[in-house]
Protein backbone atom coordinates (compact mmCIF):
# COMPACT_ATOMS: atom_id res chain seq x y z
CA MET A 1 11.95 5.51 20.21
CA PRO A 2 12.20 7.68 16.79
CA LEU A 3 14.54 10.51 17.52
CA PHE A 4 12.66 13.47 16.06
CA GLU A 5 9.48 14.99 17.12
CA ARG A 6 8.67 16.92 13.97
CA SER A 7 4.99 17.47 13.44
CA ARG A 8 5.15 18.04 9.83
CA ALA A 9 7.21 16.53 6.77
CA THR A 10 7.81 18.55 3.74
CA LEU A 11 6.09 17.31 0.43
CA VAL A 12 7.88 17.40 -2.83
CA ALA A 13 5.66 16.61 -5.74
CA SER A 14 7.52 15.21 -8.76
CA LEU A 15 6.54 16.43 -12.14
CA THR A 16 7.15 13.40 -14.75
CA ARG A 17 5.21 15.03 -17.66
CA ALA A 18 4.22 18.45 -18.48
CA PRO A 19 1.47 19.59 -16.36
CA GLN A 20 -1.94 19.13 -17.33
CA PRO A 21 -4.89 21.58 -16.60
CA GLY A 22 -5.77 21.10 -12.85
CA ASP A 23 -2.38 19.24 -11.95
CA LEU A 24 -0.76 22.33 -10.21
CA GLU A 25 -4.02 23.74 -8.98
CA ALA A 26 -4.84 20.43 -7.19
CA LEU A 27 -1.41 20.71 -5.28
CA CYS A 28 -2.02 24.14 -4.18
CA ALA A 29 -5.33 23.20 -2.80
CA ILE A 30 -3.84 20.59 -0.23
CA ASP A 31 -3.95 21.69 3.42
CA GLY A 32 -5.07 25.40 2.34
CA GLY A 33 -2.17 25.74 -0.04
CA LYS A 34 0.46 24.74 2.65
CA GLY A 35 0.64 20.83 1.92
CA VAL A 36 3.18 20.71 -1.12
CA GLU A 37 6.11 23.10 -0.55
CA TRP A 38 8.36 21.79 -3.52
CA LEU A 39 7.78 21.00 -7.12
CA GLU A 40 10.34 18.80 -8.55
CA VAL A 41 10.96 19.06 -12.26
CA ARG A 42 12.15 15.64 -13.53
CA ALA A 43 13.98 17.18 -16.62
CA ASP A 44 15.25 13.75 -17.80
CA LEU A 45 11.68 12.93 -18.21
CA VAL A 46 9.79 15.95 -18.99
CA GLY A 47 12.46 18.33 -20.30
CA ASP A 48 13.48 21.73 -19.39
CA LEU A 49 10.20 23.35 -18.47
CA ASP A 50 9.84 27.21 -18.21
CA SER A 51 10.28 28.02 -14.50
CA GLY A 52 8.37 31.33 -14.90
CA GLU A 53 5.41 29.47 -16.21
CA LEU A 54 5.54 27.12 -13.34
CA ARG A 55 5.99 29.75 -10.67
CA ALA A 56 2.86 31.37 -12.07
CA ARG A 57 0.87 28.43 -11.27
CA PHE A 58 2.58 26.88 -8.16
CA PRO A 59 3.54 29.21 -5.42
CA GLY A 60 6.04 27.02 -3.63
CA LYS A 61 9.76 26.39 -4.50
CA LEU A 62 11.30 24.58 -7.50
CA LEU A 63 13.81 21.67 -7.63
CA TYR A 64 15.45 20.71 -10.90
CA THR A 65 16.37 16.98 -11.22
CA LEU A 66 18.31 15.49 -14.31
CA ARG A 67 18.49 11.99 -13.12
CA SER A 68 21.08 10.05 -15.21
CA ALA A 69 20.59 6.67 -16.72
CA ALA A 70 23.36 5.34 -14.46
CA GLU A 71 21.19 6.18 -11.20
CA GLY A 72 17.74 4.94 -12.59
CA GLY A 73 16.80 7.99 -14.56
CA ALA A 74 16.46 8.69 -18.37
CA PHE A 75 19.29 10.98 -19.15
CA GLY A 76 21.71 9.62 -21.45
CA GLY A 77 23.59 12.60 -22.66
CA GLY A 78 27.16 13.79 -22.44
CA ALA A 79 29.11 15.46 -19.66
CA SER A 80 29.04 18.74 -21.37
CA GLU A 81 25.20 18.92 -22.12
CA ARG A 82 24.46 17.67 -18.52
CA ARG A 83 26.74 20.55 -16.99
CA GLU A 84 25.26 23.23 -19.24
CA ARG A 85 21.70 22.12 -18.36
CA LEU A 86 22.44 22.20 -14.70
CA GLN A 87 23.94 25.51 -14.95
CA ARG A 88 21.06 27.05 -16.55
CA ALA A 89 18.75 25.46 -14.01
CA ALA A 90 20.73 27.18 -11.17
CA GLN A 91 19.90 30.60 -12.56
CA THR A 92 16.12 29.91 -12.21
CA TYR A 93 15.46 27.14 -9.89
CA ASP A 94 15.48 27.16 -6.10
CA ARG A 95 17.43 24.09 -5.58
CA VAL A 96 19.37 21.73 -8.08
CA ASP A 97 20.01 18.02 -7.86
CA LEU A 98 23.63 17.18 -8.25
CA GLU A 99 24.70 13.63 -8.43
CA VAL A 100 27.79 12.71 -6.34
CA ALA A 101 29.31 10.65 -8.91
CA ARG A 102 29.18 13.10 -11.85
CA ASP A 103 28.26 16.58 -10.78
CA LEU A 104 30.85 17.69 -8.31
CA GLY A 105 33.29 19.30 -10.45
CA ALA A 106 34.53 22.77 -9.80
CA GLU A 107 32.75 24.41 -12.54
CA LEU A 108 29.49 23.29 -11.53
CA LEU A 109 30.01 23.73 -7.92
CA ALA A 110 30.95 27.33 -8.66
CA ALA A 111 27.74 27.79 -10.54
CA VAL A 112 25.51 26.03 -7.82
CA PRO A 113 26.12 27.60 -4.50
CA ALA A 114 25.91 25.43 -1.45
CA GLU A 115 22.43 26.54 -0.11
CA GLN A 116 21.06 25.58 -3.62
CA ARG A 117 22.39 22.12 -3.75
CA LEU A 118 20.84 18.85 -3.24
CA ILE A 119 23.58 16.11 -3.36
CA SER A 120 22.19 12.65 -4.39
CA TRP A 121 23.40 9.15 -4.66
CA HIS A 122 21.37 6.33 -5.94
CA GLY A 123 22.93 2.88 -5.70
CA PRO A 124 22.82 -0.88 -4.60
CA GLY A 125 22.12 -2.10 -1.22
CA ALA A 126 24.99 -2.47 1.17
CA PRO A 127 25.71 -3.02 4.98
CA LEU A 128 25.03 -0.24 7.17
CA ALA A 129 28.85 0.63 7.66
CA ALA A 130 29.32 1.02 3.80
CA LEU A 131 26.29 3.49 3.67
CA GLU A 132 27.65 5.45 6.58
CA GLU A 133 30.90 5.76 4.73
CA ARG A 134 28.98 6.63 1.44
CA LEU A 135 27.03 9.32 3.39
CA ALA A 136 30.40 10.75 5.09
CA SER A 137 31.84 11.19 1.54
CA MET A 138 28.78 13.18 0.53
CA LEU A 139 28.73 15.29 3.51
CA ALA A 140 32.45 16.57 2.55
CA THR A 141 30.73 18.94 -0.08
CA PRO A 142 28.44 21.50 1.63
CA ALA A 143 24.91 21.35 0.52
CA ALA A 144 21.39 22.22 1.76
CA LEU A 145 20.31 18.55 1.69
CA TYR A 146 21.70 15.05 1.15
CA LYS A 147 19.78 12.47 -0.57
CA LEU A 148 20.89 8.71 -0.51
CA ILE A 149 18.60 5.99 -1.97
CA VAL A 150 19.28 2.18 -1.93
CA LEU A 151 18.24 0.00 -4.80
CA ALA A 152 17.33 -2.67 -2.40
CA LYS A 153 17.07 -6.30 -3.68
CA SER A 154 16.21 -7.97 -0.40
CA PRO A 155 13.94 -6.86 2.42
CA GLY A 156 16.96 -6.62 4.77
CA GLU A 157 18.71 -4.05 2.34
CA ALA A 158 15.54 -2.01 2.25
CA LEU A 159 15.88 -1.73 6.12
CA ARG A 160 19.37 -0.32 6.04
CA PRO A 161 18.55 3.35 5.01
CA LEU A 162 16.21 3.78 8.04
CA GLU A 163 19.07 2.41 10.41
CA LEU A 164 21.39 5.27 8.69
CA LEU A 165 19.08 7.94 9.54
CA PHE A 166 18.46 6.50 13.15
CA HIS A 167 22.23 6.38 13.76
CA THR A 168 23.32 9.59 11.82
CA ARG A 169 20.88 11.89 13.72
CA ARG A 170 20.61 14.36 10.96
CA GLN A 171 17.78 16.47 9.68
CA ASP A 172 19.34 17.27 6.23
CA VAL A 173 19.44 13.71 4.98
CA VAL A 174 16.74 12.01 2.96
CA ALA A 175 17.20 8.18 2.82
CA PHE A 176 14.89 5.40 1.91
CA ALA A 177 14.85 2.36 -0.17
CA ALA A 178 13.71 2.54 -3.76
CA GLY A 179 11.30 -0.02 -5.60
CA ALA A 180 7.88 -1.37 -4.62
CA SER A 181 9.64 -3.46 -1.78
CA GLY A 182 10.94 -0.13 -0.33
CA THR A 183 7.83 2.09 -0.50
CA TRP A 184 7.25 1.60 3.28
CA THR A 185 10.79 3.01 3.97
CA ARG A 186 9.69 6.22 2.29
CA LEU A 187 6.91 6.54 4.73
CA LEU A 188 8.90 5.87 7.81
CA ALA A 189 11.82 8.00 7.00
CA PRO A 190 10.28 11.40 8.22
CA TRP A 191 10.20 10.07 11.64
CA PHE A 192 14.03 9.42 11.62
CA GLY A 193 14.87 12.86 10.46
CA ALA A 194 14.45 12.85 6.82
CA PRO A 195 12.79 16.16 5.81
CA TRP A 196 11.25 15.54 2.57
CA VAL A 197 8.97 13.05 1.24
CA TYR A 198 8.59 12.76 -2.49
CA GLY A 199 5.39 11.98 -4.11
CA SER A 200 4.30 12.16 -8.01
CA VAL A 201 1.99 14.80 -9.33
CA GLY A 202 -0.28 12.10 -11.06
CA GLU A 203 -0.24 8.40 -11.24
CA ASP A 204 3.00 8.03 -13.06
CA PRO A 205 5.88 7.80 -10.55
CA ALA A 206 9.10 9.35 -10.95
CA ALA A 207 10.80 6.23 -9.50
CA PRO A 208 9.68 2.74 -8.72
CA GLY A 209 7.85 2.46 -5.48
CA GLN A 210 6.83 6.37 -5.49
CA LEU A 211 3.21 6.96 -4.46
CA SER A 212 1.25 9.78 -5.79
CA ILE A 213 0.65 13.00 -3.71
CA ALA A 214 -2.85 12.15 -3.52
CA ARG A 215 -2.28 8.92 -1.89
CA LEU A 216 0.35 10.26 0.55
CA VAL A 217 -2.31 12.67 1.71
CA ALA A 218 -5.48 10.26 1.66
CA ASP A 219 -3.62 7.14 3.21
CA TYR A 220 -1.19 8.76 5.49
CA ALA A 221 -2.41 12.22 6.29
CA LEU A 222 0.91 13.74 5.23
CA PRO A 223 2.34 16.29 5.64
CA ALA A 224 1.18 15.98 9.23
CA LEU A 225 3.11 13.53 11.11
CA HIS A 226 1.66 11.28 13.72
CA ARG A 227 4.17 9.56 15.67
CA PRO A 228 3.96 5.72 15.72
CA ARG A 229 5.13 3.61 18.33
CA ALA A 230 4.65 0.33 16.43
CA LEU A 231 4.06 -0.75 12.89
CA CYS A 232 1.19 -2.70 11.13
CA GLY A 233 0.86 -3.20 7.69
CA VAL A 234 -0.30 -5.29 4.71
CA ILE A 235 2.10 -7.95 3.15
CA GLY A 236 1.34 -9.18 -0.44
CA ASN A 237 2.41 -9.25 -3.96
CA PRO A 238 1.28 -6.80 -5.11
CA ALA A 239 0.42 -4.63 -2.00
CA LEU A 240 0.68 -1.16 -3.10
CA HIS A 241 -2.78 -1.08 -4.61
CA SER A 242 -4.41 -1.95 -1.13
CA LEU A 243 -6.77 0.30 0.54
CA SER A 244 -5.89 -0.99 3.88
CA PRO A 245 -3.35 1.62 4.84
CA ARG A 246 -6.14 4.24 4.32
CA LEU A 247 -8.58 2.39 6.26
CA HIS A 248 -6.45 1.53 9.10
CA ASN A 249 -4.57 4.75 9.50
CA ALA A 250 -7.91 6.74 9.41
CA CYS A 251 -9.12 4.80 12.21
CA TYR A 252 -5.84 4.97 14.19
CA ARG A 253 -5.99 8.76 13.94
CA ALA A 254 -9.55 8.94 14.80
CA LEU A 255 -8.92 7.00 18.02
CA GLY A 256 -5.69 8.33 18.89
CA ILE A 257 -3.81 4.97 18.39
CA PRO A 258 0.00 5.42 18.06
CA LEU A 259 0.41 3.12 15.22
CA LEU A 260 1.30 3.47 11.52
CA TYR A 261 0.10 1.00 8.83
CA VAL A 262 2.16 0.59 5.86
CA PRO A 263 2.19 -1.65 2.56
CA PHE A 264 4.91 -4.46 2.54
CA GLU A 265 5.28 -5.50 -0.97
CA ALA A 266 7.48 -8.72 -1.16
CA GLN A 267 8.76 -11.42 -3.40
CA SER A 268 8.94 -13.93 -0.76
CA LEU A 269 7.33 -14.11 2.51
CA ALA A 270 10.15 -16.22 3.98
CA ASP A 271 12.72 -13.62 2.98
CA PHE A 272 10.65 -10.87 4.62
CA TRP A 273 10.20 -12.93 7.81
CA LEU A 274 13.89 -13.64 8.23
CA GLU A 275 15.22 -10.20 7.32
CA VAL A 276 12.56 -7.92 8.71
CA ALA A 277 9.94 -9.55 11.09
CA GLU A 278 12.51 -11.70 13.07
CA ASP A 279 15.48 -9.55 12.64
CA GLY A 280 14.64 -7.02 15.47
CA ALA A 281 16.17 -4.09 13.65
CA LEU A 282 12.55 -2.14 13.48
CA ALA A 283 12.30 -2.82 17.31
CA ASP A 284 15.82 -1.63 17.84
CA ILE A 285 15.18 1.87 16.03
CA GLY A 286 11.76 2.24 17.99
CA VAL A 287 9.11 0.92 15.59
CA PRO A 288 8.66 -2.78 16.28
CA LEU A 289 6.34 -4.76 13.90
CA ARG A 290 3.15 -5.56 15.67
CA GLY A 291 0.83 -6.88 13.12
CA LEU A 292 0.47 -7.96 9.48
CA SER A 293 -2.62 -8.26 7.19
CA VAL A 294 -1.74 -10.93 4.83
CA THR A 295 -2.97 -11.02 0.97
CA THR A 296 -2.27 -12.76 -2.08
CA PRO A 297 -0.09 -15.05 -2.45
CA PHE A 298 1.05 -15.62 0.93
CA LYS A 299 -2.03 -16.54 2.94
CA ALA A 300 -0.99 -20.33 2.79
CA SER A 301 2.63 -19.58 3.58
CA ALA A 302 1.60 -17.51 6.71
CA ILE A 303 0.78 -20.53 8.30
CA ALA A 304 4.34 -21.61 8.30
CA VAL A 305 5.78 -18.56 10.12
CA ALA A 306 3.07 -18.28 12.73
CA GLY A 307 4.04 -19.72 15.99
CA ALA A 308 0.55 -20.32 17.03
CA LEU A 309 -2.87 -20.55 15.11
CA SER A 310 -6.34 -19.87 15.82
CA PRO A 311 -8.75 -22.87 15.34
CA LEU A 312 -10.25 -21.62 12.19
CA ALA A 313 -6.71 -20.66 10.49
CA GLU A 314 -5.54 -24.16 11.63
CA ARG A 315 -8.44 -25.87 9.87
CA LEU A 316 -8.26 -23.80 6.89
CA SER A 317 -4.42 -23.92 6.62
CA VAL A 318 -4.48 -20.24 5.59
CA ALA A 319 -4.15 -17.02 7.57
CA ASN A 320 -4.76 -13.34 6.62
CA THR A 321 -3.80 -11.93 9.88
CA LEU A 322 -0.44 -12.25 11.89
CA LEU A 323 -0.23 -10.74 15.11
CA CYS A 324 2.71 -10.52 17.58
CA ARG A 325 1.72 -11.17 21.11
CA ASP A 326 4.15 -11.72 23.98
CA GLY A 327 6.99 -12.35 21.41
CA VAL A 328 4.92 -15.10 19.70
CA TRP A 329 3.31 -14.55 15.97
CA GLU A 330 -0.28 -15.81 15.97
CA GLY A 331 -2.09 -16.43 12.73
CA ASP A 332 -5.77 -15.85 12.28
CA SER A 333 -8.51 -15.68 9.55
CA THR A 334 -10.95 -12.92 9.36
CA ASP A 335 -11.82 -13.21 5.47
CA GLY A 336 -14.80 -15.29 6.03
CA GLU A 337 -16.36 -12.73 8.52
CA GLY A 338 -15.62 -10.02 5.89
CA VAL A 339 -17.91 -11.81 3.50
CA LEU A 340 -20.59 -12.55 6.03
CA LEU A 341 -20.60 -9.10 7.40
CA ALA A 342 -20.60 -7.58 3.88
CA LEU A 343 -23.84 -9.44 3.24
CA GLY A 344 -25.25 -8.96 6.76
CA TRP A 345 -24.96 -5.05 6.21
CA ARG A 346 -27.17 -5.52 3.29
CA GLY A 347 -29.71 -7.52 5.29
CA ILE A 348 -28.99 -10.73 3.46
CA ARG A 349 -28.65 -13.73 5.65
CA VAL A 350 -26.92 -16.80 3.96
CA ALA A 351 -28.78 -19.67 5.77
CA GLY A 352 -30.54 -21.98 3.20
CA LYS A 353 -29.22 -20.03 0.40
CA ARG A 354 -27.54 -21.73 -2.80
CA VAL A 355 -23.99 -20.14 -3.03
CA ALA A 356 -21.23 -20.71 -5.50
CA VAL A 357 -17.60 -19.58 -4.57
CA ILE A 358 -15.60 -19.18 -7.64
CA GLY A 359 -11.89 -19.57 -6.98
CA ALA A 360 -10.25 -22.05 -4.46
CA GLY A 361 -7.50 -20.00 -3.34
CA GLY A 362 -6.84 -18.79 0.24
CA ALA A 363 -9.69 -16.10 -0.06
CA GLY A 364 -12.07 -18.58 -1.96
CA ARG A 365 -11.74 -21.32 0.81
CA VAL A 366 -12.13 -19.02 3.66
CA ALA A 367 -15.34 -17.62 2.11
CA ALA A 368 -16.71 -21.04 1.32
CA LEU A 369 -16.11 -22.29 4.95
CA ALA A 370 -17.71 -19.40 6.44
CA LEU A 371 -20.83 -19.43 4.12
CA GLU A 372 -21.16 -23.23 4.97
CA LEU A 373 -20.97 -22.49 8.80
CA GLY A 374 -23.55 -19.80 8.20
CA GLY A 375 -26.11 -22.45 6.95
CA ALA A 376 -25.70 -22.02 3.16
CA ASP A 377 -25.52 -24.65 0.42
CA VAL A 378 -21.99 -23.96 -0.80
CA LEU A 379 -20.48 -25.28 -4.34
CA ILE A 380 -16.78 -24.37 -4.95
CA VAL A 381 -16.09 -23.59 -8.54
CA ASN A 382 -12.34 -23.53 -9.88
CA ARG A 383 -10.66 -23.38 -13.29
CA ASP A 384 -7.92 -26.03 -12.12
CA GLU A 385 -10.15 -28.98 -11.60
CA ALA A 386 -7.66 -31.17 -9.67
CA ARG A 387 -6.94 -28.49 -7.22
CA GLY A 388 -10.55 -27.27 -6.83
CA ALA A 389 -11.60 -30.74 -6.26
CA GLN A 390 -8.96 -31.37 -3.49
CA ILE A 391 -9.73 -28.29 -1.74
CA ALA A 392 -13.47 -28.89 -1.96
CA ALA A 393 -12.81 -32.41 -0.65
CA GLY A 394 -10.88 -31.06 2.29
CA LEU A 395 -13.61 -28.86 3.22
CA GLU A 396 -16.32 -31.55 2.57
CA LEU A 397 -18.00 -29.35 0.03
CA PRO A 398 -19.08 -30.25 -3.49
CA PHE A 399 -16.96 -29.07 -6.53
CA ALA A 400 -17.65 -28.21 -10.13
CA PRO A 401 -15.16 -27.11 -12.86
CA LEU A 402 -15.31 -23.47 -14.11
CA GLN A 403 -15.76 -24.70 -17.67
CA GLY A 404 -19.31 -25.32 -18.15
CA PHE A 405 -20.44 -23.57 -14.95
CA SER A 406 -23.67 -21.91 -15.02
CA ALA A 407 -24.97 -19.14 -12.62
CA GLU A 408 -28.48 -20.24 -13.27
CA GLY A 409 -30.36 -21.02 -9.86
CA VAL A 410 -27.54 -19.63 -7.77
CA ASP A 411 -28.73 -17.23 -4.97
CA ILE A 412 -25.08 -15.80 -4.10
CA LEU A 413 -22.11 -15.88 -6.08
CA VAL A 414 -18.64 -15.01 -4.64
CA GLN A 415 -15.79 -14.04 -6.88
CA ALA A 416 -12.68 -14.99 -5.03
CA THR A 417 -10.12 -15.16 -8.10
CA SER A 418 -7.74 -12.19 -8.64
CA LEU A 419 -9.39 -11.25 -12.15
CA GLY A 420 -10.71 -7.83 -12.11
CA ARG A 421 -8.01 -5.66 -10.89
CA ASN A 422 -7.16 -4.86 -14.52
CA SER A 423 -10.03 -3.39 -16.83
CA THR A 424 -8.66 -5.71 -19.49
CA ASP A 425 -9.18 -9.01 -17.50
CA PRO A 426 -11.67 -11.38 -18.66
CA LEU A 427 -14.87 -11.86 -16.50
CA PRO A 428 -14.19 -14.52 -13.94
CA PHE A 429 -17.42 -16.68 -15.02
CA ASP A 430 -20.18 -16.34 -17.60
CA VAL A 431 -22.81 -13.90 -16.20
CA ASP A 432 -25.63 -14.84 -18.63
CA GLY A 433 -27.39 -17.13 -15.90
CA ILE A 434 -27.14 -14.69 -13.20
CA ALA A 435 -30.94 -14.22 -12.01
CA PRO A 436 -32.31 -10.50 -11.16
CA ASP A 437 -32.52 -11.32 -7.57
CA ALA A 438 -29.23 -12.91 -7.09
CA VAL A 439 -26.42 -11.37 -5.11
CA VAL A 440 -22.85 -11.01 -6.48
CA VAL A 441 -19.98 -10.26 -4.14
CA ASP A 442 -16.61 -9.47 -5.83
CA LEU A 443 -13.50 -9.78 -3.43
CA VAL A 444 -11.52 -7.62 -5.91
CA TYR A 445 -11.80 -3.82 -5.61
CA GLY A 446 -10.79 -0.90 -7.26
CA ALA A 447 -11.44 2.83 -7.74
CA GLU A 448 -14.64 1.79 -9.72
CA PRO A 449 -17.04 -1.23 -9.75
CA THR A 450 -15.15 -4.26 -11.34
CA PRO A 451 -16.21 -5.36 -14.80
CA LEU A 452 -17.86 -8.31 -13.11
CA LEU A 453 -20.13 -6.11 -10.84
CA GLN A 454 -21.03 -3.87 -13.60
CA ALA A 455 -22.27 -6.90 -15.86
CA ALA A 456 -24.12 -8.24 -12.80
CA ALA A 457 -25.84 -4.78 -12.03
CA ALA A 458 -26.90 -4.70 -15.72
CA ARG A 459 -28.69 -7.89 -15.15
CA GLY A 460 -30.50 -6.27 -12.07
CA ALA A 461 -28.45 -8.41 -9.58
CA VAL A 462 -27.51 -7.04 -5.94
CA THR A 463 -23.85 -6.20 -6.17
CA ILE A 464 -21.31 -5.97 -3.15
CA ASP A 465 -17.75 -4.69 -4.11
CA GLY A 466 -14.64 -5.66 -2.47
CA ARG A 467 -14.27 -2.62 -0.39
CA GLU A 468 -17.45 -3.75 1.69
CA VAL A 469 -15.67 -7.09 2.15
CA LEU A 470 -12.36 -5.32 3.05
CA LEU A 471 -14.01 -3.42 5.72
CA GLY A 472 -15.95 -6.36 7.06
CA GLN A 473 -12.74 -8.62 7.53
CA ALA A 474 -10.92 -5.46 9.07
CA VAL A 475 -13.42 -5.40 11.98
CA SER A 476 -11.94 -8.12 13.68
CA GLN A 477 -8.35 -7.70 12.28
CA PHE A 478 -8.51 -4.13 13.79
CA HIS A 479 -9.53 -5.47 17.25
CA LEU A 480 -6.99 -8.06 17.12
CA MET A 481 -4.13 -5.56 16.38
CA THR A 482 -5.26 -2.59 18.68
CA GLY A 483 -7.71 -4.00 21.16
CA GLN A 484 -10.27 -1.44 20.24
CA ASP A 485 -13.32 -1.46 17.80
CA LEU A 486 -13.01 -0.20 14.51
CA PRO A 487 -15.14 2.97 14.13
CA LEU A 488 -17.21 1.96 11.16
CA SER A 489 -18.24 5.42 10.08
CA ILE A 490 -14.74 6.29 9.75
CA GLY A 491 -13.90 3.16 7.92
CA ARG A 492 -16.57 3.74 5.50
CA ALA A 493 -15.61 7.20 4.77
CA ALA A 494 -12.10 6.14 4.22
CA LEU A 495 -12.92 3.62 1.62
CA GLY A 496 -15.44 6.03 -0.16
CA LEU A 497 -18.45 3.72 0.91
CA PRO A 498 -21.91 5.32 1.50
CA LEU A 499 -22.63 6.42 5.20
CA ASP A 500 -25.52 4.34 5.79
CA PRO A 501 -26.87 5.07 9.36
CA GLN A 502 -28.99 2.02 9.42
CA ARG A 503 -26.17 -0.25 8.46
CA THR A 504 -23.92 1.31 11.10
CA ALA A 505 -26.49 0.86 13.85
CA ASP A 506 -27.01 -2.71 12.86
CA ALA A 507 -23.26 -3.42 12.52
CA ILE A 508 -22.66 -4.55 16.30
CA ALA A 509 -25.48 -7.05 16.06
CA ALA A 510 -24.23 -8.29 12.66
CA ARG A 511 -20.73 -8.93 13.99
CA GLU A 512 -22.05 -10.76 16.94
CA ASP A 513 -24.08 -13.00 14.55
CA VAL A 514 -21.01 -13.44 12.36
CA SER A 515 -18.61 -14.12 15.18
CA GLN A 516 -20.93 -16.96 16.61
CA VAL A 517 -20.55 -18.64 13.16
CA THR A 518 -17.00 -18.14 12.36
CA ARG A 519 -15.25 -18.56 15.76
């Protein structure tokens, strides 16, 4: 089990640009003004800000950091300039970040007393023994806090800082892996003694893989700590954009389930599987991996790592859910249920409808099969003609190339490509033929409706965005991972969806209808 029973972490907000109106005030509003206790000024990025002006707007404590280029920062000046800036900061800041490789000279240590020091190191991944040796050398210099950050190049390297915390058994050491592939270690570190969790003030991170303070609060309820006894998560590339952590964690808290759901961004599912899922290190430190939601581009390769498959996943040769049950990883697919439930919650039945699914990847083929099983007349549309035709033939469904495709006469259009995550992406298909009474479902989601949904709504079509589909596919996924029903009202609130009492009341019946189709 995790060693520490701390009920709260300390949130540190990293300032990477001059604070804009409302920035610091928003921090002060978190948890009644007690949520964010420290403000880190990344002076290598934002310059030397006036600490007096900051204190007038932020009631917490101030940390000064001048991260060197050698350790992933932007400061490239000489040793003399660096020493002078750190000495000046020590006069007005509550704590000063000193890099162990360049800031522990006698003159600077004399200017920065031990209680004011944060001694830091950022370096390459290494075996646990080497990290323990590195930390021991840092501990030789008295300080209030020590920070050891691994620039991991593999999933296994990302694990080592957590093992370090587990074995070190200290509460004055912050350790995690940097980069998008290490974000999950930032989130787990507090349960192993790390007292601080860093988050950016806005959406510009101070370091790769750092989430914003707003995300830490919304997705993980920080600074409160709800002790996990196992992990679940979403694995993909990308994965950090996913709203699944916000959805699942909110439902865990509502039901008192001792799980934590985190984003695992990986370059390779195979490497993650060998070095994390099958390694056993997470179980050894008290948080075994229980389940994974699988997203792009790993839904097909998830079949290869599963020891058993549901009939639906086997037929589709893709899985969006991996669950460890009695030591065996089982693969399943709930994406199709997500599409049908999202439609069902709007009172839309698919039987007899003309449906076009644009995109023949993992999500597209699952949606197509679910809609076909529900009685729809389904057409698969894809940019790559050869691949699209092959997928359609395997599902025994008709195919049409994207070039020349018209939405005219189609009742339901399902957008299953990755286009739409960025506002600059082109529309995935020509919307001119969309009828005013058509339904457009976009599996992509963001903070606002995608350009496709905006264009479809302008033509009078009914639009269903990816958050509805995400919630729909999570219904069965949540039950598989926890054995409990997902509380829909909590889920809708977490995803920013309207709380429609009628939809909630009809949800159980809709799920039963969908389960009969897809199972």
